[in-house]
Protein backbone atom coordinates (compact mmCIF):
# COMPACT_ATOMS: atom_id res chain seq x y z
CA UNK A 1 -2.98 -0.49 -39.93
CA UNK A 2 -5.65 0.50 -37.43
CA UNK A 3 -5.59 4.04 -36.08
CA UNK A 4 -6.60 4.79 -32.51
CA UNK A 5 -7.08 8.06 -30.75
CA UNK A 6 -3.77 9.19 -29.29
CA UNK A 7 -3.72 9.93 -25.59
CA UNK A 8 -1.15 11.80 -23.61
CA UNK A 9 1.45 9.29 -22.42
CA UNK A 10 0.42 7.57 -19.21
CA UNK A 11 3.19 7.65 -16.63
CA UNK A 12 3.14 5.15 -13.77
CA UNK A 13 6.37 5.20 -11.83
CA UNK A 14 6.45 1.52 -10.82
CA UNK A 15 7.51 -1.05 -13.41
CA UNK A 16 5.36 -3.89 -12.08
CA UNK A 17 1.65 -4.66 -11.70
CA UNK A 18 1.60 -7.00 -8.72
CA UNK A 19 -1.73 -6.15 -7.10
CA UNK A 20 -4.55 -3.63 -6.86
CA UNK A 21 -3.28 -2.62 -3.42
CA UNK A 22 -0.15 -1.21 -5.07
CA UNK A 23 -2.14 1.16 -7.30
CA UNK A 24 -3.52 4.60 -6.53
CA UNK A 25 -6.92 5.86 -7.68
CA UNK A 26 -5.29 7.99 -10.39
CA UNK A 27 -3.25 5.03 -11.66
CA UNK A 28 -6.37 2.86 -11.88
CA UNK A 29 -8.13 5.68 -13.74
CA UNK A 30 -5.23 5.90 -16.20
CA UNK A 31 -5.36 2.16 -16.91
CA UNK A 32 -9.14 2.22 -17.45
CA UNK A 33 -8.87 5.30 -19.67
CA UNK A 34 -6.17 3.66 -21.77
CA UNK A 35 -8.18 0.42 -22.04
CA UNK A 36 -11.19 2.29 -23.41
CA UNK A 37 -9.13 3.34 -26.45
CA UNK A 38 -8.48 -0.32 -27.25
CA UNK A 39 -12.14 -1.42 -27.16
CA UNK A 40 -12.83 0.14 -30.56
CA UNK A 41 -9.53 -1.13 -31.96
CA UNK A 42 -10.41 -4.71 -31.01
CA UNK A 43 -13.68 -4.46 -32.94
CA UNK A 44 -12.05 -3.11 -36.10
CA UNK A 45 -10.97 -5.16 -39.12
CA UNK A 46 -7.29 -4.29 -38.57
CA UNK A 47 -6.50 -4.95 -34.92
CA UNK A 48 -2.71 -4.72 -34.87
CA UNK A 49 -0.61 -1.67 -33.97
CA UNK A 50 3.12 -1.37 -33.29
CA UNK A 51 3.29 0.30 -29.87
CA UNK A 52 5.40 -2.57 -28.49
CA UNK A 53 7.28 -3.45 -31.67
CA UNK A 54 10.71 -4.78 -30.76
CA UNK A 55 9.61 -5.68 -27.22
CA UNK A 56 9.59 -9.26 -25.91
CA UNK A 57 6.80 -10.61 -23.71
CA UNK A 58 7.06 -13.94 -21.90
CA UNK A 59 3.93 -15.63 -20.51
CA UNK A 60 4.83 -17.88 -17.59
CA UNK A 61 1.75 -19.79 -16.42
CA UNK A 62 2.23 -22.39 -13.68
CA UNK A 63 -1.54 -23.01 -13.43
CA UNK A 64 -4.07 -23.92 -16.14
CA UNK A 65 -5.66 -20.93 -17.86
CA UNK A 66 -7.79 -20.30 -20.92
CA UNK A 67 -9.10 -16.74 -20.72
CA UNK A 68 -6.21 -14.99 -18.98
CA UNK A 69 -3.38 -16.63 -20.89
CA UNK A 70 -5.02 -16.35 -24.31
CA UNK A 71 -6.03 -12.72 -23.75
CA UNK A 72 -2.52 -11.73 -22.60
CA UNK A 73 -1.06 -13.46 -25.65
CA UNK A 74 -3.55 -11.78 -27.96
CA UNK A 75 -3.01 -8.41 -26.25
CA UNK A 76 0.76 -8.59 -26.72
CA UNK A 77 0.49 -9.58 -30.37
CA UNK A 78 -2.04 -6.84 -31.14
CA UNK A 79 0.41 -4.31 -29.69
CA UNK A 80 3.18 -5.64 -31.91
CA UNK A 81 5.27 -7.42 -29.24
CA UNK A 82 7.10 -10.70 -29.75
CA UNK A 83 5.20 -13.09 -27.46
CA UNK A 84 6.50 -16.37 -26.07
CA UNK A 85 4.26 -18.58 -23.94
CA UNK A 86 6.32 -21.09 -21.96
CA UNK A 87 5.11 -24.67 -21.79
CA UNK A 88 5.61 -25.46 -18.10
CA UNK A 89 4.93 -29.19 -18.63
CA UNK A 90 7.96 -29.50 -20.91
CA UNK A 91 10.19 -27.03 -19.05
CA UNK A 92 13.06 -27.53 -16.57
CA UNK A 93 10.61 -26.67 -13.77
CA UNK A 94 9.31 -30.23 -14.06
CA UNK A 95 12.89 -31.37 -13.45
CA UNK A 96 13.08 -29.53 -10.13
CA UNK A 97 14.22 -26.06 -11.18
CA UNK A 98 13.18 -23.37 -8.69
CA UNK A 99 11.28 -20.21 -9.53
CA UNK A 100 14.40 -18.13 -8.78
CA UNK A 101 16.53 -20.21 -11.18
CA UNK A 102 13.82 -19.93 -13.81
CA UNK A 103 13.77 -16.16 -13.27
CA UNK A 104 17.54 -15.92 -13.70
CA UNK A 105 17.38 -18.00 -16.89
CA UNK A 106 14.63 -15.85 -18.40
CA UNK A 107 16.37 -12.66 -17.30
CA UNK A 108 19.45 -13.68 -19.26
CA UNK A 109 17.29 -13.60 -22.41
CA UNK A 110 16.54 -9.89 -21.84
CA UNK A 111 12.72 -9.89 -22.01
CA UNK A 112 10.88 -6.60 -21.59
CA UNK A 113 7.92 -7.95 -19.64
CA UNK A 114 6.95 -11.21 -17.94
CA UNK A 115 3.34 -12.18 -17.25
CA UNK A 116 3.17 -14.78 -14.49
CA UNK A 117 0.47 -16.94 -12.94
CA UNK A 118 1.53 -19.07 -9.99
CA UNK A 119 -0.12 -21.29 -7.41
CA UNK A 120 1.81 -19.66 -4.55
CA UNK A 121 0.87 -16.26 -3.16
CA UNK A 122 3.69 -13.77 -3.56
CA UNK A 123 5.46 -15.53 -6.43
CA UNK A 124 5.16 -12.52 -8.81
CA UNK A 125 6.64 -10.27 -6.10
CA UNK A 126 9.61 -12.62 -5.75
CA UNK A 127 10.06 -12.79 -9.51
CA UNK A 128 10.01 -8.98 -9.79
CA UNK A 129 12.99 -8.80 -7.42
CA UNK A 130 15.08 -11.18 -9.55
CA UNK A 131 14.59 -9.81 -13.07
CA UNK A 132 15.40 -6.54 -14.81
CA UNK A 133 12.13 -6.36 -16.75
CA UNK A 134 8.54 -5.52 -15.82
CA UNK A 135 6.33 -8.16 -14.20
CA UNK A 136 2.53 -8.43 -14.38
CA UNK A 137 0.68 -10.66 -11.95
CA UNK A 138 -1.86 -12.83 -13.77
CA UNK A 139 -3.00 -14.43 -10.50
CA UNK A 140 -1.01 -15.73 -7.52
CA UNK A 141 -2.46 -18.29 -5.13
CA UNK A 142 -5.25 -16.80 -3.03
CA UNK A 143 -3.72 -13.32 -3.01
CA UNK A 144 -4.57 -11.19 -6.05
CA UNK A 145 -5.66 -11.17 -9.69
CA UNK A 146 -5.37 -7.46 -10.56
CA UNK A 147 -6.20 -7.57 -14.28
CA UNK A 148 -9.41 -9.51 -13.60
CA UNK A 149 -10.60 -6.83 -11.18
CA UNK A 150 -9.65 -4.10 -13.67
CA UNK A 151 -11.60 -5.77 -16.49
CA UNK A 152 -14.57 -6.25 -14.17
CA UNK A 153 -14.51 -2.52 -13.36
CA UNK A 154 -14.25 -1.67 -17.06
CA UNK A 155 -17.23 -3.93 -17.82
CA UNK A 156 -19.34 -2.24 -15.15
CA UNK A 157 -18.34 1.24 -16.35
CA UNK A 158 -19.06 0.24 -19.95
CA UNK A 159 -22.62 -0.75 -18.96
CA UNK A 160 -23.41 1.60 -16.07
CA UNK A 161 -21.13 4.56 -16.71
CA UNK A 162 -19.54 4.38 -13.26
CA UNK A 163 -18.78 2.17 -10.26
CA UNK A 164 -19.22 4.82 -7.59
CA UNK A 165 -22.48 4.48 -5.67
CA UNK A 166 -23.32 1.01 -6.99
CA UNK A 167 -24.11 -1.89 -4.70
CA UNK A 168 -22.09 -4.95 -5.63
CA UNK A 169 -22.52 -8.49 -4.27
CA UNK A 170 -19.55 -10.87 -4.58
CA UNK A 171 -20.84 -14.39 -4.02
CA UNK A 172 -19.26 -17.80 -3.58
CA UNK A 173 -15.85 -19.04 -2.52
CA UNK A 174 -14.53 -15.84 -0.94
CA UNK A 175 -11.98 -17.72 1.18
CA UNK A 176 -9.89 -19.12 -1.66
CA UNK A 177 -10.56 -16.49 -4.33
CA UNK A 178 -7.89 -14.04 -5.51
CA UNK A 179 -10.55 -12.54 -7.79
CA UNK A 180 -12.67 -11.69 -4.73
CA UNK A 181 -9.76 -9.98 -2.96
CA UNK A 182 -8.73 -7.86 -5.93
CA UNK A 183 -12.34 -6.88 -6.61
CA UNK A 184 -12.95 -5.95 -2.98
CA UNK A 185 -9.90 -3.66 -3.04
CA UNK A 186 -10.79 -2.10 -6.39
CA UNK A 187 -14.56 -1.70 -5.97
CA UNK A 188 -14.05 -0.06 -2.58
CA UNK A 189 -11.45 2.26 -4.10
CA UNK A 190 -13.89 3.26 -6.85
CA UNK A 191 -16.65 4.04 -4.36
CA UNK A 192 -18.95 1.02 -4.51
CA UNK A 193 -20.77 -0.60 -1.59
CA UNK A 194 -19.59 -4.22 -1.46
CA UNK A 195 -21.39 -7.24 0.00
CA UNK A 196 -19.75 -10.66 0.21
CA UNK A 197 -22.00 -13.73 0.34
CA UNK A 198 -20.82 -17.24 1.18
CA UNK A 199 -21.31 -20.14 3.58
CA UNK A 200 -19.41 -19.65 6.86
CA UNK A 201 -16.84 -22.22 5.80
CA UNK A 202 -15.92 -20.11 2.75
CA UNK A 203 -15.78 -16.69 4.46
CA UNK A 204 -12.37 -15.47 5.70
CA UNK A 205 -12.18 -14.53 9.35
CA UNK A 206 -12.82 -10.80 9.96
CA UNK A 207 -13.52 -10.14 6.26
CA UNK A 208 -15.39 -6.99 7.35
CA UNK A 209 -12.01 -5.34 7.98
CA UNK A 210 -11.68 -5.00 4.21
CA UNK A 211 -14.64 -2.63 4.16
CA UNK A 212 -17.38 -5.08 3.14
CA UNK A 213 -20.60 -6.42 4.64
CA UNK A 214 -20.72 -10.21 4.95
CA UNK A 215 -23.79 -12.43 4.56
CA UNK A 216 -24.44 -16.15 4.87
CA UNK A 217 -27.95 -15.75 3.44
CA UNK A 218 -27.92 -15.32 -0.34
CA UNK A 219 -31.21 -13.45 -0.58
CA UNK A 220 -30.23 -10.93 2.10
CA UNK A 221 -26.84 -10.41 0.48
CA UNK A 222 -28.39 -9.71 -2.94
CA UNK A 223 -31.00 -7.26 -1.64
CA UNK A 224 -31.20 -4.22 -3.98
CA UNK A 225 -27.81 -4.97 -5.57
CA UNK A 226 -26.84 -3.44 -8.92
CA UNK A 227 -24.18 -6.05 -9.73
CA UNK A 228 -24.12 -9.76 -8.85
CA UNK A 229 -20.61 -11.15 -9.21
CA UNK A 230 -20.44 -14.95 -8.89
CA UNK A 231 -17.21 -16.82 -8.16
CA UNK A 232 -15.88 -20.23 -9.12
CA UNK A 233 -15.54 -22.84 -6.40
CA UNK A 234 -11.76 -23.23 -5.98
CA UNK A 235 -11.82 -27.00 -5.47
CA UNK A 236 -8.09 -27.29 -6.19
CA UNK A 237 -7.33 -25.08 -3.14
CA UNK A 238 -9.72 -26.83 -0.76
CA UNK A 239 -7.86 -29.14 1.60
CA UNK A 240 -10.56 -30.65 3.75
CA UNK A 241 -14.36 -30.59 3.79
CA UNK A 242 -15.81 -27.14 3.09
CA UNK A 243 -19.12 -28.14 1.48
CA UNK A 244 -21.59 -30.99 2.11
CA UNK A 245 -22.20 -31.40 -1.65
CA UNK A 246 -22.35 -29.44 -4.90
CA UNK A 247 -26.10 -29.98 -4.98
CA UNK A 248 -26.60 -28.43 -1.54
CA UNK A 249 -24.28 -25.54 -2.42
CA UNK A 250 -26.39 -24.76 -5.48
CA UNK A 251 -29.56 -24.90 -3.40
CA UNK A 252 -28.35 -22.23 -0.97
CA UNK A 253 -25.60 -20.28 -2.74
CA UNK A 254 -25.96 -20.90 -6.47
CA UNK A 255 -27.47 -18.01 -8.43
CA UNK A 256 -31.01 -18.92 -9.46
CA UNK A 257 -33.88 -16.82 -10.88
CA UNK A 258 -35.62 -16.94 -7.49
CA UNK A 259 -32.61 -15.56 -5.59
CA UNK A 260 -31.91 -12.97 -8.28
CA UNK A 261 -35.34 -11.43 -7.68
CA UNK A 262 -33.87 -9.84 -4.53
CA UNK A 263 -31.45 -7.76 -6.61
CA UNK A 264 -32.53 -4.79 -8.72
CA UNK A 265 -34.55 -5.62 -11.83
CA UNK A 266 -31.73 -4.51 -14.11
CA UNK A 267 -28.90 -6.03 -12.05
CA UNK A 268 -25.98 -7.29 -14.11
CA UNK A 269 -24.63 -10.83 -13.72
CA UNK A 270 -20.86 -11.41 -13.79
CA UNK A 271 -18.56 -14.43 -13.49
CA UNK A 272 -14.77 -14.59 -14.02
CA UNK A 273 -14.98 -18.07 -15.53
CA UNK A 274 -14.74 -20.94 -15.94
CA UNK A 275 -18.31 -21.49 -14.76
CA UNK A 276 -19.69 -24.56 -13.07
CA UNK A 277 -23.22 -24.45 -14.44
CA UNK A 278 -25.83 -25.86 -12.11
CA UNK A 279 -23.48 -25.37 -9.15
CA UNK A 280 -22.51 -21.68 -9.03
CA UNK A 281 -25.05 -20.32 -11.49
CA UNK A 282 -28.19 -21.40 -13.32
CA UNK A 283 -27.66 -21.86 -17.07
CA UNK A 284 -30.59 -19.61 -17.97
CA UNK A 285 -28.98 -16.72 -16.07
CA UNK A 286 -25.48 -17.33 -17.41
CA UNK A 287 -26.87 -17.08 -20.95
CA UNK A 288 -29.34 -14.23 -20.33
CA UNK A 289 -28.55 -11.77 -23.14
CA UNK A 290 -30.08 -8.84 -21.26
CA UNK A 291 -28.43 -9.28 -17.85
CA UNK A 292 -25.36 -11.48 -18.20
CA UNK A 293 -22.13 -9.63 -19.13
CA UNK A 294 -19.92 -12.71 -18.82
CA UNK A 295 -18.91 -12.73 -22.49
CA UNK A 296 -18.37 -8.97 -22.38
CA UNK A 297 -15.92 -9.53 -19.51
CA UNK A 298 -13.86 -11.77 -21.79
CA UNK A 299 -13.97 -9.21 -24.61
CA UNK A 300 -12.92 -6.29 -22.41
CA UNK A 301 -10.25 -8.43 -20.77
CA UNK A 302 -8.17 -8.13 -23.94
CA UNK A 303 -8.46 -4.32 -23.86
CA UNK A 304 -7.45 -4.14 -20.19
CA UNK A 305 -4.44 -6.38 -20.74
CA UNK A 306 -3.38 -4.35 -23.77
CA UNK A 307 -3.51 -1.24 -21.57
CA UNK A 308 -1.47 -2.89 -18.81
CA UNK A 309 1.17 -4.16 -21.24
CA UNK A 310 1.47 -0.73 -22.86
CA UNK A 311 1.75 1.12 -19.54
CA UNK A 312 3.98 -1.25 -17.60
CA UNK A 313 6.25 -2.55 -20.34
CA UNK A 314 9.64 -1.11 -19.42
CA UNK A 315 10.60 1.74 -21.71
CA UNK A 316 14.16 2.48 -22.68
């Protein structure tokens, strides 16, 4: 069995992780510190420990997911929990069962933690009020995706040593992106300077109130940036015409070598995935072994989710 360095128990009073806005600086620091201990474990030959042995984790994903769902499942299993991933397609939800009824049904099974992704903003908050166990938000509508922001911060710290003082550009579909919102909250909390870059149709009204600078010119938005964080176009949330065409979007807002020249020479490239190559980002940049940390984000995502499960899983 793998051995990891023991840390003093992390105590976070709340039982749920519903959004970055609910966390303090010290709580974020505790999560990141705990996650760092799991990075080495995940690279070892024996990856399983029994911190959550006897605990039950239910993954409840109402939207398609590859990275988030698989990493939460892997994280729970590596911590020794019993993990059940519900198949929504074959569940009673497809027969008209409401989220509240689903919550009551699952609560009767006495799980210790539920990980939920839902297409409606606020669904994890509602679920947390109806169950006796801990709830982790794995993404709700346009609102928040806290574990993605946490793994992005961990990736930056792993490469740059800190977030404070860095200039970060978040580019793409800001309007529909829960990843953008959570990252804006977290990067500001950690002391970064944040730019958001998007066409006017994909910029929320008064976005500057969140403590960011907004740009509709990609090159100006990337000027002297340390981190370039691209976003996926949320086509499934677009009701109406937001873009003339994917080709035109790539021309003006896709990350290309020419646009990247405006950022610092050692600027890191990030993307939460899945990527639309040739639309949001040039393939050569996505696969650049020196500057792209996209695969590292996936790797560290498991460590962050292990930390969140360990900290928030309700203790007896």
